[in-house]
Amino acid sequence: MQMTLAQALAGSCQDVDRIDAQILLQHVLNVDPAYLLTHPDQPLTPQQKEAFTQLIVQRVNGVPIAYLVGEREFYSLKFSVTNAVLIPRPETELLIDLALARLPPNKMCRILDLGAGSGAIAITIAKHRPKSHVVAVDCSAAALVVARQNAHNLDVRNVHFVEGSWYDELSDERFDLIVSNPPYVAKHDPHLQQGDLRFEPSLALATGDDGLACIKHIIINANKYLADEAWLLLEHGYDQAAACRHLLLENGFNELFSHKDLAGIIRVSGGAVYEREAIKSGLLP
């Protein structure tokens, strides 16, 4: 007996959220949401039914929707994702807003994205600042495969991807802006065993006992790679803003700030490098 689209959705909703079921069925059929509403009596082929059933089983087992359908929207752009990269999240869009506010649209700026992952941050900035040049670094070759594919899919050509650990593969380059969404979860945090985090690459999520190891490394070494009047912007955990600002202050940054995301959580901190020569000469602390 054949199963209709309406029956498939009704049956799957006993196991998963209805919105998740709709997304998975759309993916199997390669249709938009309106199609499901206007074709409720369309029968599924045996192959479609099997594919949908397998996706529902995986979702019941907790596999993130983004990995099941292979994509996630970020800043109104569609990014391919695999389990080699973190799933782009809405709260990270704040980092993009703050970065673009510091990058004049008609000026050629150099931007460094540390821990590029899927390329969501680097590619989005490059897309909105086509005159600028973005260098995106990640230590994962598998992640960079995804990032390069995303740049190709979105026709973004002003991004250069580099495989390496943080600053290690950079020479004497100077950047007008450094951005990063580094690992900032403590390695023993129980949240790592919950929800989507169970399936995402741990290397991109967790670091050290307090989650600050990568943030410290980025801040302490940033001055060597920043031009005058340049900015460093970092996404961090809900309770790490004060620690980030303290590290920025200790390492010669000015105009320190922390900014809340749409959920009211302090999500991004940063600062600017000014009067570098005065600092070097000892005229400023």
Protein backbone atom coordinates (compact mmCIF):
# COMPACT_ATOMS: atom_id res chain seq x y z
CA MET A 1 0.00 0.00 0.00
CA GLN A 2 1.37 3.39 -1.01
CA MET A 3 1.84 6.16 1.56
CA THR A 4 0.86 9.75 0.81
CA LEU A 5 2.85 12.80 1.84
CA ALA A 6 0.25 13.65 4.48
CA GLN A 7 0.38 10.12 5.89
CA ALA A 8 4.17 10.14 5.96
CA LEU A 9 4.21 13.38 7.92
CA ALA A 10 1.48 12.26 10.31
CA GLY A 11 3.26 9.00 11.05
CA SER A 12 6.69 10.55 11.53
CA CYS A 13 5.36 13.22 13.89
CA GLN A 14 4.88 10.54 16.51
CA ASP A 15 8.67 10.29 16.70
CA VAL A 16 10.10 13.70 15.76
CA ASP A 17 9.10 17.35 15.71
CA ARG A 18 6.73 18.15 12.83
CA ILE A 19 8.98 20.91 11.46
CA ASP A 20 11.91 18.48 11.41
CA ALA A 21 9.77 15.92 9.59
CA GLN A 22 8.71 18.50 7.01
CA ILE A 23 12.30 19.55 6.37
CA LEU A 24 13.39 15.94 5.90
CA LEU A 25 10.50 15.14 3.56
CA GLN A 26 11.22 18.29 1.53
CA HIS A 27 14.83 17.13 1.28
CA VAL A 28 13.85 13.66 0.04
CA LEU A 29 11.47 15.09 -2.56
CA ASN A 30 13.67 18.11 -3.39
CA VAL A 31 10.69 20.47 -3.06
CA ASP A 32 9.85 23.66 -1.15
CA PRO A 33 7.50 23.86 1.90
CA ALA A 34 4.54 24.97 -0.21
CA TYR A 35 4.70 21.73 -2.19
CA LEU A 36 3.87 19.63 0.86
CA LEU A 37 0.81 21.77 1.55
CA THR A 38 -0.50 21.63 -2.02
CA HIS A 39 0.19 17.93 -2.68
CA PRO A 40 -0.87 16.11 0.50
CA ASP A 41 -2.30 13.12 -1.44
CA GLN A 42 0.75 12.53 -3.60
CA PRO A 43 2.07 9.00 -3.00
CA LEU A 44 5.69 8.36 -2.08
CA THR A 45 7.65 5.99 -4.27
CA PRO A 46 9.17 3.00 -2.44
CA GLN A 47 12.60 4.65 -2.73
CA GLN A 48 11.34 7.94 -1.31
CA LYS A 49 9.59 6.16 1.55
CA GLU A 50 12.76 4.23 2.42
CA ALA A 51 14.94 7.35 2.29
CA PHE A 52 12.50 9.30 4.46
CA THR A 53 12.24 6.47 6.98
CA GLN A 54 16.03 6.26 7.29
CA LEU A 55 16.31 10.01 7.88
CA ILE A 56 13.60 9.88 10.56
CA VAL A 57 15.44 7.06 12.34
CA GLN A 58 18.66 9.07 12.32
CA ARG A 59 16.84 12.13 13.62
CA VAL A 60 15.28 10.07 16.42
CA ASN A 61 18.85 9.07 17.32
CA GLY A 62 19.78 12.75 17.59
CA VAL A 63 21.64 13.41 14.34
CA PRO A 64 21.30 17.16 13.61
CA ILE A 65 18.95 18.20 10.84
CA ALA A 66 21.74 20.19 9.17
CA TYR A 67 23.88 17.07 8.80
CA LEU A 68 20.95 15.03 7.50
CA VAL A 69 20.08 17.50 4.75
CA GLY A 70 23.68 18.66 4.26
CA GLU A 71 23.09 22.39 4.55
CA ARG A 72 22.25 25.29 6.86
CA GLU A 73 21.28 28.89 6.17
CA PHE A 74 23.52 31.55 7.69
CA TYR A 75 23.21 35.30 7.15
CA SER A 76 20.72 34.59 4.33
CA LEU A 77 23.28 32.40 2.53
CA LYS A 78 23.05 28.63 2.13
CA PHE A 79 26.10 26.70 3.36
CA SER A 80 26.87 23.05 2.82
CA VAL A 81 27.79 21.24 6.04
CA THR A 82 29.14 17.84 6.98
CA ASN A 83 30.10 16.34 10.31
CA ALA A 84 33.61 17.69 9.67
CA VAL A 85 32.44 21.20 10.55
CA LEU A 86 30.38 22.97 13.16
CA ILE A 87 26.82 23.82 12.17
CA PRO A 88 26.57 27.60 11.60
CA ARG A 89 24.38 29.17 14.28
CA PRO A 90 22.23 32.32 14.34
CA GLU A 91 24.14 33.80 17.29
CA THR A 92 27.32 33.88 15.21
CA GLU A 93 25.62 36.31 12.84
CA LEU A 94 26.35 38.95 15.50
CA LEU A 95 30.06 38.48 14.77
CA ILE A 96 29.35 39.25 11.11
CA ASP A 97 27.36 42.39 11.99
CA LEU A 98 30.15 43.72 14.18
CA ALA A 99 32.82 42.88 11.61
CA LEU A 100 31.01 44.55 8.71
CA ALA A 101 30.47 47.67 10.82
CA ARG A 102 34.26 48.01 11.03
CA LEU A 103 34.97 47.35 7.35
CA PRO A 104 34.29 50.26 4.97
CA PRO A 105 32.40 48.92 1.91
CA ASN A 106 34.56 50.74 -0.63
CA LYS A 107 37.97 50.12 0.92
CA MET A 108 40.26 47.17 0.31
CA CYS A 109 40.77 45.60 3.72
CA ARG A 110 42.59 42.44 4.76
CA ILE A 111 40.66 40.14 7.07
CA LEU A 112 41.79 37.01 8.91
CA ASP A 113 39.33 34.34 10.06
CA LEU A 114 40.85 31.90 12.53
CA GLY A 115 39.14 28.52 12.78
CA ALA A 116 37.21 28.81 9.53
CA GLY A 117 35.25 25.55 9.68
CA SER A 118 32.55 25.59 6.99
CA GLY A 119 33.76 29.01 5.90
CA ALA A 120 30.53 30.66 7.03
CA ILE A 121 32.21 33.67 8.67
CA ALA A 122 34.97 34.22 6.10
CA ILE A 123 32.74 33.72 3.07
CA THR A 124 29.93 35.89 4.42
CA ILE A 125 32.30 38.77 5.14
CA ALA A 126 33.95 38.34 1.74
CA LYS A 127 30.54 38.28 0.04
CA HIS A 128 29.55 41.58 1.68
CA ARG A 129 32.96 43.21 1.21
CA PRO A 130 33.96 42.11 -2.31
CA LYS A 131 36.85 44.62 -2.53
CA SER A 132 38.51 43.09 0.51
CA HIS A 133 40.66 39.98 0.81
CA VAL A 134 39.96 37.33 3.44
CA VAL A 135 42.39 34.69 4.67
CA ALA A 136 40.63 31.76 6.37
CA VAL A 137 42.68 29.34 8.48
CA ASP A 138 41.70 25.93 9.84
CA CYS A 139 43.73 22.96 11.05
CA SER A 140 41.25 20.45 9.58
CA ALA A 141 41.77 19.44 5.95
CA ALA A 142 38.27 17.94 5.90
CA ALA A 143 36.75 21.22 7.08
CA LEU A 144 38.60 23.16 4.39
CA VAL A 145 37.18 20.86 1.72
CA VAL A 146 33.72 21.96 2.85
CA ALA A 147 34.75 25.62 3.09
CA ARG A 148 36.25 25.68 -0.40
CA GLN A 149 33.11 24.06 -1.81
CA ASN A 150 30.97 26.70 -0.12
CA ALA A 151 33.08 29.50 -1.59
CA HIS A 152 32.65 27.93 -5.01
CA ASN A 153 28.90 27.42 -4.57
CA LEU A 154 28.43 31.04 -3.49
CA ASP A 155 30.78 32.40 -6.16
CA VAL A 156 33.05 34.07 -3.61
CA ARG A 157 36.56 34.46 -4.97
CA ASN A 158 38.21 36.86 -2.53
CA VAL A 159 38.88 34.22 0.14
CA HIS A 160 42.13 32.29 0.47
CA PHE A 161 42.01 29.14 2.59
CA VAL A 162 45.03 28.01 4.60
CA GLU A 163 45.50 24.72 6.44
CA GLY A 164 47.29 25.27 9.72
CA SER A 165 47.01 25.94 13.43
CA TRP A 166 45.96 29.52 14.16
CA TYR A 167 48.83 31.85 13.11
CA ASP A 168 51.42 29.15 12.37
CA GLU A 169 51.22 29.30 8.56
CA LEU A 170 51.16 33.10 8.34
CA SER A 171 54.35 35.05 7.71
CA ASP A 172 54.61 38.80 8.25
CA GLU A 173 51.10 39.57 7.02
CA ARG A 174 49.12 42.33 8.68
CA PHE A 175 45.33 42.44 8.83
CA ASP A 176 42.79 45.19 9.36
CA LEU A 177 40.50 42.78 11.18
CA ILE A 178 40.87 39.40 12.82
CA VAL A 179 37.71 37.46 13.59
CA SER A 180 37.30 34.09 15.22
CA ASN A 181 34.71 31.72 16.60
CA PRO A 182 37.22 29.44 18.32
CA PRO A 183 36.61 26.42 20.56
CA TYR A 184 35.48 27.89 23.89
CA VAL A 185 33.69 25.09 25.73
CA ALA A 186 35.51 23.49 28.67
CA LYS A 187 36.47 19.94 27.71
CA HIS A 188 34.50 18.41 30.61
CA ASP A 189 31.36 20.53 30.12
CA PRO A 190 28.30 18.22 30.31
CA HIS A 191 26.63 20.12 27.46
CA LEU A 192 29.04 18.39 25.08
CA GLN A 193 27.05 15.20 25.65
CA GLN A 194 23.72 16.82 24.80
CA GLY A 195 21.82 17.74 21.63
CA ASP A 196 23.64 18.54 18.40
CA LEU A 197 26.98 18.96 20.19
CA ARG A 198 27.24 15.16 20.49
CA PHE A 199 27.69 14.92 16.72
CA GLU A 200 29.82 17.98 15.97
CA PRO A 201 33.65 17.84 15.82
CA SER A 202 34.98 18.09 19.38
CA LEU A 203 38.17 19.77 18.13
CA ALA A 204 36.07 22.77 17.05
CA LEU A 205 34.08 22.91 20.28
CA ALA A 206 36.14 22.23 23.38
CA THR A 207 39.51 23.26 24.76
CA GLY A 208 41.17 23.05 28.16
CA ASP A 209 39.62 23.03 31.60
CA ASP A 210 38.04 26.50 31.35
CA GLY A 211 37.47 26.83 27.60
CA LEU A 212 39.82 29.80 27.32
CA ALA A 213 42.98 28.20 25.92
CA CYS A 214 42.33 29.06 22.26
CA ILE A 215 41.00 32.51 23.09
CA LYS A 216 44.17 33.25 25.08
CA HIS A 217 46.40 32.09 22.25
CA ILE A 218 44.56 34.20 19.68
CA ILE A 219 44.63 37.37 21.80
CA ILE A 220 48.21 37.06 23.03
CA ASN A 221 49.58 36.62 19.49
CA ALA A 222 47.20 38.91 17.59
CA ASN A 223 49.32 42.07 17.77
CA LYS A 224 51.95 40.58 15.47
CA TYR A 225 49.37 40.23 12.72
CA LEU A 226 47.27 43.37 13.11
CA ALA A 227 47.79 46.60 11.20
CA ASP A 228 47.47 49.95 12.96
CA GLU A 229 43.91 50.86 13.90
CA ALA A 230 42.83 47.24 13.42
CA TRP A 231 40.28 45.17 15.31
CA LEU A 232 40.11 41.75 16.92
CA LEU A 233 36.61 40.27 17.39
CA LEU A 234 35.95 36.99 19.20
CA GLU A 235 32.87 34.90 19.82
CA HIS A 236 32.96 33.30 23.27
CA GLY A 237 30.90 31.54 25.93
CA TYR A 238 28.15 33.15 27.97
CA ASP A 239 30.43 33.60 31.01
CA GLN A 240 33.74 34.49 29.30
CA ALA A 241 33.28 38.17 28.39
CA ALA A 242 35.10 39.57 31.41
CA ALA A 243 38.03 37.19 30.91
CA CYS A 244 38.24 38.15 27.23
CA ARG A 245 38.26 41.87 27.98
CA HIS A 246 40.93 41.37 30.64
CA LEU A 247 43.13 39.50 28.15
CA LEU A 248 42.57 42.18 25.52
CA LEU A 249 43.51 44.93 27.98
CA GLU A 250 46.65 43.08 29.06
CA ASN A 251 47.74 42.79 25.46
CA GLY A 252 47.46 46.42 24.44
CA PHE A 253 43.93 46.64 23.03
CA ASN A 254 41.72 49.71 23.32
CA GLU A 255 38.02 50.44 22.86
CA LEU A 256 37.16 47.18 24.55
CA PHE A 257 33.57 46.03 24.27
CA SER A 258 31.28 43.05 24.75
CA HIS A 259 28.02 42.67 22.85
CA LYS A 260 24.86 40.66 23.50
CA ASP A 261 23.25 38.43 20.89
CA LEU A 262 19.51 38.39 20.17
CA ALA A 263 18.96 36.03 23.10
CA GLY A 264 20.49 38.59 25.48
CA ILE A 265 23.65 36.52 26.01
CA ILE A 266 27.01 38.34 25.88
CA ARG A 267 28.41 36.58 22.84
CA VAL A 268 31.18 38.69 21.22
CA SER A 269 34.02 40.74 22.70
CA GLY A 270 36.72 42.73 20.99
CA GLY A 271 39.09 45.62 20.91
CA ALA A 272 41.23 47.79 18.66
CA VAL A 273 44.98 48.32 18.30
CA TYR A 274 45.94 52.01 18.31
CA GLU A 275 49.19 53.95 18.76
CA ARG A 276 51.35 50.89 18.25
CA GLU A 277 54.58 52.91 18.08
CA ALA A 278 53.80 54.66 21.35
CA ILE A 279 53.26 51.33 23.02
CA LYS A 280 56.52 49.97 21.62
CA SER A 281 58.47 53.03 22.78
CA GLY A 282 57.11 52.81 26.30
CA LEU A 283 55.16 56.08 26.13
CA LEU A 284 51.97 54.14 26.80
CA PRO A 285 51.49 51.22 29.19
